[in-house]
C-alpha atoms as a PDB file:
ATOM      1  CA  UNK A   1      18.026 -24.943  35.636  1.00  0.00           C
ATOM      2  CA  UNK A   2      16.462 -21.531  35.104  1.00  0.00           C
ATOM      3  CA  UNK A   3      15.326 -21.080  31.512  1.00  0.00           C
ATOM      4  CA  UNK A   4      17.561 -19.006  29.651  1.00  0.00           C
ATOM      5  CA  UNK A   5      16.343 -14.797  29.525  1.00  0.00           C
ATOM      6  CA  UNK A   6      15.004 -14.482  25.528  1.00  0.00           C
ATOM      7  CA  UNK A   7      17.477 -12.522  23.451  1.00  0.00           C
ATOM      8  CA  UNK A   8      17.107  -9.109  22.862  1.00  0.00           C
ATOM      9  CA  UNK A   9      15.948  -7.892  19.164  1.00  0.00           C
ATOM     10  CA  UNK A  10      18.201  -5.318  17.642  1.00  0.00           C
ATOM     11  CA  UNK A  11      15.868  -3.848  14.143  1.00  0.00           C
ATOM     12  CA  UNK A  12      19.317  -3.254  11.529  1.00  0.00           C
ATOM     13  CA  UNK A  13      18.013  -0.715   9.031  1.00  0.00           C
ATOM     14  CA  UNK A  14      20.442   0.464   6.578  1.00  0.00           C
ATOM     15  CA  UNK A  15      20.945   0.313   2.565  1.00  0.00           C
ATOM     16  CA  UNK A  16      24.724  -0.827   3.093  1.00  0.00           C
ATOM     17  CA  UNK A  17      25.554  -4.321   3.156  1.00  0.00           C
ATOM     18  CA  UNK A  18      29.195  -3.485   4.215  1.00  0.00           C
ATOM     19  CA  UNK A  19      27.942  -2.047   7.547  1.00  0.00           C
ATOM     20  CA  UNK A  20      24.853  -4.297   8.215  1.00  0.00           C
ATOM     21  CA  UNK A  21      26.670  -7.102   7.938  1.00  0.00           C
ATOM     22  CA  UNK A  22      29.704  -6.181  10.580  1.00  0.00           C
ATOM     23  CA  UNK A  23      27.241  -4.836  13.012  1.00  0.00           C
ATOM     24  CA  UNK A  24      25.299  -7.973  12.218  1.00  0.00           C
ATOM     25  CA  UNK A  25      28.082 -10.004  13.170  1.00  0.00           C
ATOM     26  CA  UNK A  26      29.167  -8.285  16.150  1.00  0.00           C
ATOM     27  CA  UNK A  27      25.979  -7.835  17.554  1.00  0.00           C
ATOM     28  CA  UNK A  28      25.125 -11.495  17.236  1.00  0.00           C
ATOM     29  CA  UNK A  29      28.652 -12.305  19.090  1.00  0.00           C
ATOM     30  CA  UNK A  30      27.143 -10.375  22.246  1.00  0.00           C
ATOM     31  CA  UNK A  31      24.293 -12.584  22.315  1.00  0.00           C
ATOM     32  CA  UNK A  32      21.351 -10.094  20.726  1.00  0.00           C
ATOM     33  CA  UNK A  33      19.253 -11.233  17.838  1.00  0.00           C
ATOM     34  CA  UNK A  34      19.228  -9.753  14.967  1.00  0.00           C
ATOM     35  CA  UNK A  35      16.279  -8.427  12.347  1.00  0.00           C
ATOM     36  CA  UNK A  36      17.993  -6.885   9.171  1.00  0.00           C
ATOM     37  CA  UNK A  37      15.818  -4.352   6.881  1.00  0.00           C
ATOM     38  CA  UNK A  38      17.391  -2.439   3.346  1.00  0.00           C
ATOM     39  CA  UNK A  39      15.290   0.877   3.124  1.00  0.00           C
ATOM     40  CA  UNK A  40      13.068   2.820   5.693  1.00  0.00           C
ATOM     41  CA  UNK A  41       9.597   1.358   4.443  1.00  0.00           C
ATOM     42  CA  UNK A  42      11.096  -2.095   5.093  1.00  0.00           C
ATOM     43  CA  UNK A  43      12.495  -1.167   8.333  1.00  0.00           C
ATOM     44  CA  UNK A  44       9.352   0.665   9.774  1.00  0.00           C
ATOM     45  CA  UNK A  45       6.960  -2.354   8.471  1.00  0.00           C
ATOM     46  CA  UNK A  46       9.430  -4.546  10.220  1.00  0.00           C
ATOM     47  CA  UNK A  47       9.814  -2.372  13.523  1.00  0.00           C
ATOM     48  CA  UNK A  48       5.792  -2.164  13.452  1.00  0.00           C
ATOM     49  CA  UNK A  49       5.219  -5.600  13.261  1.00  0.00           C
ATOM     50  CA  UNK A  50       8.255  -7.578  15.544  1.00  0.00           C
ATOM     51  CA  UNK A  51       8.581  -4.771  18.257  1.00  0.00           C
ATOM     52  CA  UNK A  52      12.179  -5.132  18.279  1.00  0.00           C
ATOM     53  CA  UNK A  53      14.291  -4.029  21.810  1.00  0.00           C
ATOM     54  CA  UNK A  54      16.397  -1.455  19.739  1.00  0.00           C
ATOM     55  CA  UNK A  55      16.365   0.076  16.238  1.00  0.00           C
ATOM     56  CA  UNK A  56      19.795   1.233  14.734  1.00  0.00           C
ATOM     57  CA  UNK A  57      18.623   3.734  12.064  1.00  0.00           C
ATOM     58  CA  UNK A  58      20.762   4.621   9.388  1.00  0.00           C
ATOM     59  CA  UNK A  59      19.718   8.552   8.449  1.00  0.00           C
ATOM     60  CA  UNK A  60      19.670   8.542   4.806  1.00  0.00           C
ATOM     61  CA  UNK A  61      18.217   5.596   3.009  1.00  0.00           C
ATOM     62  CA  UNK A  62      16.121   4.894  -0.284  1.00  0.00           C
ATOM     63  CA  UNK A  63      12.203   4.985   0.027  1.00  0.00           C
ATOM     64  CA  UNK A  64      12.086   6.452   3.406  1.00  0.00           C
ATOM     65  CA  UNK A  65      14.830   8.786   5.268  1.00  0.00           C
ATOM     66  CA  UNK A  66      15.750   7.531   8.653  1.00  0.00           C
ATOM     67  CA  UNK A  67      14.549  11.386  10.096  1.00  0.00           C
ATOM     68  CA  UNK A  68      10.966  10.026   8.549  1.00  0.00           C
ATOM     69  CA  UNK A  69      11.244   6.158  10.164  1.00  0.00           C
ATOM     70  CA  UNK A  70      11.852   7.945  13.479  1.00  0.00           C
ATOM     71  CA  UNK A  71       9.163  10.323  13.624  1.00  0.00           C
ATOM     72  CA  UNK A  72       6.470   7.722  12.390  1.00  0.00           C
ATOM     73  CA  UNK A  73       7.760   5.332  15.164  1.00  0.00           C
ATOM     74  CA  UNK A  74       7.527   8.431  17.936  1.00  0.00           C
ATOM     75  CA  UNK A  75       3.912   9.170  16.647  1.00  0.00           C
ATOM     76  CA  UNK A  76       2.372   5.971  16.371  1.00  0.00           C
ATOM     77  CA  UNK A  77       3.582   3.858  19.944  1.00  0.00           C
ATOM     78  CA  UNK A  78       2.606   5.047  23.435  1.00  0.00           C
ATOM     79  CA  UNK A  79       5.814   3.440  24.556  1.00  0.00           C
ATOM     80  CA  UNK A  80       8.979   4.755  22.585  1.00  0.00           C
ATOM     81  CA  UNK A  81      10.717   1.961  20.771  1.00  0.00           C
ATOM     82  CA  UNK A  82      14.501   2.730  21.770  1.00  0.00           C
ATOM     83  CA  UNK A  83      16.264   3.707  18.607  1.00  0.00           C
ATOM     84  CA  UNK A  84      20.167   4.691  17.645  1.00  0.00           C
ATOM     85  CA  UNK A  85      20.755   7.194  14.255  1.00  0.00           C
ATOM     86  CA  UNK A  86      23.660   6.319  12.480  1.00  0.00           C
ATOM     87  CA  UNK A  87      24.680   8.966  10.265  1.00  0.00           C
ATOM     88  CA  UNK A  88      27.926   9.817   7.782  1.00  0.00           C
ATOM     89  CA  UNK A  89      26.095  13.538   7.877  1.00  0.00           C
ATOM     90  CA  UNK A  90      28.685  15.762   9.580  1.00  0.00           C
ATOM     91  CA  UNK A  91      26.363  18.484   9.897  1.00  0.00           C
ATOM     92  CA  UNK A  92      25.078  19.311  13.405  1.00  0.00           C
ATOM     93  CA  UNK A  93      21.826  20.458  11.912  1.00  0.00           C
ATOM     94  CA  UNK A  94      20.694  16.671  10.949  1.00  0.00           C
ATOM     95  CA  UNK A  95      22.065  15.423  14.997  1.00  0.00           C
ATOM     96  CA  UNK A  96      19.904  18.497  16.876  1.00  0.00           C
ATOM     97  CA  UNK A  97      16.687  17.008  14.716  1.00  0.00           C
ATOM     98  CA  UNK A  98      17.473  13.730  15.335  1.00  0.00           C
ATOM     99  CA  UNK A  99      17.728  14.758  19.045  1.00  0.00           C
ATOM    100  CA  UNK A 100      14.355  16.752  18.774  1.00  0.00           C
ATOM    101  CA  UNK A 101      12.513  13.493  17.620  1.00  0.00           C
ATOM    102  CA  UNK A 102      13.761  11.915  20.274  1.00  0.00           C
ATOM    103  CA  UNK A 103      16.591   9.690  19.252  1.00  0.00           C
ATOM    104  CA  UNK A 104      18.701   7.423  21.842  1.00  0.00           C
ATOM    105  CA  UNK A 105      22.048   8.361  20.586  1.00  0.00           C
ATOM    106  CA  UNK A 106      23.372   9.338  17.798  1.00  0.00           C
ATOM    107  CA  UNK A 107      26.773   7.902  16.066  1.00  0.00           C
ATOM    108  CA  UNK A 108      28.462   8.970  13.094  1.00  0.00           C
ATOM    109  CA  UNK A 109      29.938   6.986  10.308  1.00  0.00           C
ATOM    110  CA  UNK A 110      32.704   5.928  10.167  1.00  0.00           C
ATOM    111  CA  UNK A 111      32.611   4.539  13.844  1.00  0.00           C
ATOM    112  CA  UNK A 112      34.520   1.751  16.229  1.00  0.00           C
ATOM    113  CA  UNK A 113      32.276  -1.559  16.441  1.00  0.00           C
ATOM    114  CA  UNK A 114      32.896  -1.160  20.609  1.00  0.00           C
ATOM    115  CA  UNK A 115      31.466   2.518  20.581  1.00  0.00           C
ATOM    116  CA  UNK A 116      28.132   0.786  18.942  1.00  0.00           C
ATOM    117  CA  UNK A 117      28.093  -2.203  21.372  1.00  0.00           C
ATOM    118  CA  UNK A 118      28.467   0.416  24.174  1.00  0.00           C
ATOM    119  CA  UNK A 119      25.597   2.338  23.186  1.00  0.00           C
ATOM    120  CA  UNK A 120      23.627  -0.907  22.525  1.00  0.00           C
ATOM    121  CA  UNK A 121      24.628  -2.517  26.083  1.00  0.00           C
ATOM    122  CA  UNK A 122      23.209   0.739  27.815  1.00  0.00           C
ATOM    123  CA  UNK A 123      20.049   1.162  25.846  1.00  0.00           C
ATOM    124  CA  UNK A 124      18.890  -2.664  26.374  1.00  0.00           C
ATOM    125  CA  UNK A 125      19.886  -2.847  30.497  1.00  0.00           C
END
């Protein structure tokens, strides 16, 4: 029998426990391995140490915003890490800025988990 392919790793960076837990349960059920960070600094440290296949990043967090995490990830890596930004912010300026920084997808809260799963699957093909 062929050896099972190693699970893709996703880093969730969000300070909202309910959202993190919901995403974790859904994504683990899809076969992904989940890493969790509760603020921007912790998220950046985990991303740099663990090199996940994808980062799901909240925009508004304590210690370091999602924008600052994304900027740092984009500046310090030769091969960009895949990043989905999630936010409750309605402003189109924020979306434009995230896109300028090279975010792979931008999802507004509240969102249907199937929309998130669809985005994750598309980016991790």
